[in-house]
Amino acid sequence: MNVFDYIDANPDICHGKPCFKGTRIMVTSVLALLEAGESSKEILEAYPGLTMKHIQAALHLAEQLLDGDQYLRFPSRP
């Protein structure tokens, strides 16, 4: 899947955060809904402009970012 068919980051839209093309729906919004336990069906009902391919692109982008050569340093817990 080419995530760039579905996701774009434009500095003039949503402060440059990745959004689904042709919308102002941020990818993080959909990922947060998935994390909260919302089903894909519920998300698609809430955002009728999206398709299952958009949700898959969001998950694919997250996987690509975490599987990259650079890693995040997680803060130590007190």
N, C-alpha and C. Protein backbone atom coordinates (compact mmCIF):
# COMPACT_ATOMS: atom_id res chain seq x y z
N MET A 1 0.84 -1.18 0.00
CA MET A 1 0.00 0.00 0.00
C MET A 1 0.88 1.24 0.00
N ASN A 2 0.51 2.20 -0.81
CA ASN A 2 1.20 3.48 -0.82
C ASN A 2 0.39 4.45 0.03
N VAL A 3 0.87 4.71 1.24
CA VAL A 3 0.14 5.59 2.16
C VAL A 3 -0.05 6.99 1.60
N PHE A 4 0.83 7.40 0.70
CA PHE A 4 0.75 8.74 0.14
C PHE A 4 -0.42 8.90 -0.83
N ASP A 5 -1.07 7.80 -1.18
CA ASP A 5 -2.31 7.89 -1.95
C ASP A 5 -3.46 8.36 -1.05
N TYR A 6 -3.31 8.20 0.25
CA TYR A 6 -4.38 8.50 1.20
C TYR A 6 -4.04 9.58 2.22
N ILE A 7 -2.76 9.78 2.48
CA ILE A 7 -2.33 10.68 3.55
C ILE A 7 -1.38 11.74 2.99
N ASP A 8 -1.55 12.97 3.49
CA ASP A 8 -0.69 14.06 3.06
C ASP A 8 -0.39 14.93 4.29
N ALA A 9 0.72 15.63 4.27
CA ALA A 9 1.06 16.59 5.32
C ALA A 9 1.37 17.91 4.63
N ASN A 10 0.50 18.87 4.85
CA ASN A 10 0.63 20.18 4.22
C ASN A 10 0.73 21.22 5.33
N PRO A 11 1.78 22.05 5.32
CA PRO A 11 1.94 23.03 6.40
C PRO A 11 0.76 23.99 6.53
N ASP A 12 -0.04 24.14 5.49
CA ASP A 12 -1.19 25.04 5.54
C ASP A 12 -2.47 24.38 6.06
N ILE A 13 -2.41 23.08 6.32
CA ILE A 13 -3.59 22.35 6.79
C ILE A 13 -3.25 21.65 8.11
N CYS A 14 -4.01 21.93 9.14
CA CYS A 14 -3.84 21.30 10.47
C CYS A 14 -2.40 21.38 10.96
N HIS A 15 -1.78 22.53 10.76
CA HIS A 15 -0.41 22.79 11.24
C HIS A 15 0.61 21.80 10.70
N GLY A 16 0.33 21.23 9.52
CA GLY A 16 1.28 20.31 8.89
C GLY A 16 1.20 18.88 9.39
N LYS A 17 0.26 18.59 10.28
CA LYS A 17 0.12 17.22 10.77
C LYS A 17 -0.49 16.36 9.68
N PRO A 18 -0.10 15.08 9.61
CA PRO A 18 -0.65 14.21 8.57
C PRO A 18 -2.17 14.11 8.65
N CYS A 19 -2.80 14.37 7.50
CA CYS A 19 -4.25 14.29 7.36
C CYS A 19 -4.58 13.41 6.16
N PHE A 20 -5.80 12.94 6.15
CA PHE A 20 -6.26 12.18 4.99
C PHE A 20 -6.52 13.15 3.86
N LYS A 21 -6.03 12.81 2.67
CA LYS A 21 -6.12 13.70 1.51
C LYS A 21 -7.55 14.19 1.29
N GLY A 22 -7.66 15.49 1.01
CA GLY A 22 -8.95 16.09 0.72
C GLY A 22 -9.81 16.34 1.95
N THR A 23 -9.24 16.13 3.15
CA THR A 23 -9.98 16.34 4.38
C THR A 23 -9.12 17.12 5.37
N ARG A 24 -9.69 17.44 6.48
CA ARG A 24 -8.94 17.98 7.61
C ARG A 24 -8.99 16.98 8.77
N ILE A 25 -9.17 15.74 8.44
CA ILE A 25 -9.20 14.67 9.44
C ILE A 25 -7.77 14.20 9.64
N MET A 26 -7.27 14.41 10.86
CA MET A 26 -5.89 14.02 11.15
C MET A 26 -5.78 12.51 11.37
N VAL A 27 -4.69 11.97 10.90
CA VAL A 27 -4.42 10.54 11.06
C VAL A 27 -4.42 10.17 12.55
N THR A 28 -3.87 11.05 13.38
CA THR A 28 -3.84 10.76 14.81
C THR A 28 -5.23 10.63 15.41
N SER A 29 -6.20 11.33 14.85
CA SER A 29 -7.58 11.21 15.35
C SER A 29 -8.11 9.80 15.16
N VAL A 30 -7.85 9.23 14.00
CA VAL A 30 -8.31 7.87 13.72
C VAL A 30 -7.54 6.87 14.57
N LEU A 31 -6.24 7.06 14.71
CA LEU A 31 -5.45 6.15 15.54
C LEU A 31 -5.91 6.21 17.00
N ALA A 32 -6.24 7.39 17.48
CA ALA A 32 -6.72 7.53 18.86
C ALA A 32 -8.06 6.82 19.04
N LEU A 33 -8.92 6.90 18.05
CA LEU A 33 -10.21 6.20 18.13
C LEU A 33 -10.00 4.68 18.16
N LEU A 34 -9.08 4.21 17.34
CA LEU A 34 -8.78 2.77 17.36
C LEU A 34 -8.23 2.35 18.72
N GLU A 35 -7.34 3.16 19.27
CA GLU A 35 -6.77 2.87 20.58
C GLU A 35 -7.86 2.83 21.66
N ALA A 36 -8.86 3.69 21.51
CA ALA A 36 -9.95 3.77 22.49
C ALA A 36 -10.94 2.62 22.35
N GLY A 37 -10.73 1.79 21.34
CA GLY A 37 -11.60 0.62 21.18
C GLY A 37 -12.71 0.78 20.16
N GLU A 38 -12.73 1.91 19.46
CA GLU A 38 -13.74 2.09 18.42
C GLU A 38 -13.47 1.11 17.28
N SER A 39 -14.51 0.59 16.70
CA SER A 39 -14.35 -0.32 15.57
C SER A 39 -14.17 0.49 14.28
N SER A 40 -13.64 -0.16 13.28
CA SER A 40 -13.49 0.50 11.98
C SER A 40 -14.86 0.96 11.48
N LYS A 41 -15.87 0.13 11.69
CA LYS A 41 -17.23 0.49 11.25
C LYS A 41 -17.70 1.77 11.93
N GLU A 42 -17.45 1.91 13.24
CA GLU A 42 -17.86 3.11 13.96
C GLU A 42 -17.11 4.34 13.45
N ILE A 43 -15.84 4.17 13.15
CA ILE A 43 -15.04 5.29 12.65
C ILE A 43 -15.54 5.73 11.28
N LEU A 44 -15.84 4.77 10.42
CA LEU A 44 -16.33 5.09 9.08
C LEU A 44 -17.71 5.75 9.14
N GLU A 45 -18.51 5.38 10.12
CA GLU A 45 -19.81 6.04 10.30
C GLU A 45 -19.63 7.47 10.78
N ALA A 46 -18.64 7.70 11.65
CA ALA A 46 -18.38 9.04 12.17
C ALA A 46 -17.74 9.95 11.11
N TYR A 47 -16.96 9.35 10.22
CA TYR A 47 -16.27 10.10 9.15
C TYR A 47 -16.63 9.49 7.80
N PRO A 48 -17.81 9.83 7.27
CA PRO A 48 -18.28 9.19 6.03
C PRO A 48 -17.37 9.42 4.81
N GLY A 49 -16.47 10.40 4.87
CA GLY A 49 -15.56 10.64 3.76
C GLY A 49 -14.40 9.66 3.70
N LEU A 50 -14.25 8.86 4.75
CA LEU A 50 -13.16 7.88 4.80
C LEU A 50 -13.64 6.50 4.38
N THR A 51 -12.67 5.69 3.96
CA THR A 51 -12.94 4.30 3.61
C THR A 51 -12.02 3.41 4.45
N MET A 52 -12.22 2.13 4.35
CA MET A 52 -11.35 1.19 5.06
C MET A 52 -9.90 1.36 4.63
N LYS A 53 -9.68 1.74 3.39
CA LYS A 53 -8.32 1.96 2.90
C LYS A 53 -7.63 3.10 3.66
N HIS A 54 -8.39 4.12 4.05
CA HIS A 54 -7.82 5.23 4.83
C HIS A 54 -7.35 4.72 6.20
N ILE A 55 -8.17 3.90 6.85
CA ILE A 55 -7.80 3.36 8.15
C ILE A 55 -6.57 2.47 8.01
N GLN A 56 -6.54 1.65 6.98
CA GLN A 56 -5.38 0.79 6.74
C GLN A 56 -4.13 1.63 6.48
N ALA A 57 -4.27 2.73 5.76
CA ALA A 57 -3.13 3.61 5.48
C ALA A 57 -2.60 4.22 6.78
N ALA A 58 -3.50 4.60 7.69
CA ALA A 58 -3.08 5.17 8.97
C ALA A 58 -2.28 4.14 9.77
N LEU A 59 -2.76 2.92 9.82
CA LEU A 59 -2.05 1.86 10.54
C LEU A 59 -0.73 1.53 9.87
N HIS A 60 -0.72 1.53 8.56
CA HIS A 60 0.51 1.24 7.82
C HIS A 60 1.55 2.33 8.06
N LEU A 61 1.12 3.59 8.08
CA LEU A 61 2.05 4.69 8.35
C LEU A 61 2.64 4.55 9.75
N ALA A 62 1.80 4.26 10.74
CA ALA A 62 2.29 4.08 12.11
C ALA A 62 3.31 2.94 12.16
N GLU A 63 3.03 1.86 11.50
CA GLU A 63 3.95 0.71 11.48
C GLU A 63 5.27 1.09 10.81
N GLN A 64 5.20 1.81 9.70
CA GLN A 64 6.42 2.22 9.00
C GLN A 64 7.27 3.14 9.86
N LEU A 65 6.64 4.06 10.57
CA LEU A 65 7.39 4.99 11.41
C LEU A 65 8.06 4.28 12.58
N LEU A 66 7.40 3.29 13.15
CA LEU A 66 7.98 2.56 14.28
C LEU A 66 9.00 1.53 13.84
N ASP A 67 8.95 1.14 12.59
CA ASP A 67 9.87 0.12 12.09
C ASP A 67 11.07 0.76 11.38
N GLY A 68 11.24 2.06 11.53
CA GLY A 68 12.32 2.77 10.85
C GLY A 68 13.68 2.53 11.50
N ASP A 69 14.67 3.17 10.96
CA ASP A 69 16.03 3.03 11.46
C ASP A 69 16.28 3.85 12.72
N GLN A 70 15.46 4.84 12.96
CA GLN A 70 15.64 5.68 14.15
C GLN A 70 14.58 5.28 15.17
N TYR A 71 14.98 5.27 16.42
CA TYR A 71 14.08 4.83 17.46
C TYR A 71 13.88 5.93 18.49
N LEU A 72 12.71 5.93 19.07
CA LEU A 72 12.40 6.90 20.13
C LEU A 72 13.00 6.42 21.44
N ARG A 73 13.46 7.35 22.22
CA ARG A 73 13.91 7.01 23.58
C ARG A 73 12.75 7.28 24.51
N PHE A 74 12.32 6.26 25.18
CA PHE A 74 11.20 6.41 26.11
C PHE A 74 11.74 6.89 27.45
N PRO A 75 11.04 7.83 28.06
CA PRO A 75 11.52 8.35 29.35
C PRO A 75 11.51 7.27 30.42
N SER A 76 12.49 7.32 31.33
CA SER A 76 12.50 6.34 32.43
C SER A 76 11.43 6.71 33.43
N ARG A 77 10.91 5.71 34.03
CA ARG A 77 9.86 5.94 35.03
C ARG A 77 10.51 6.15 36.38
N PRO A 78 9.92 7.07 37.16
CA PRO A 78 10.52 7.34 38.49
C PRO A 78 10.36 6.17 39.44
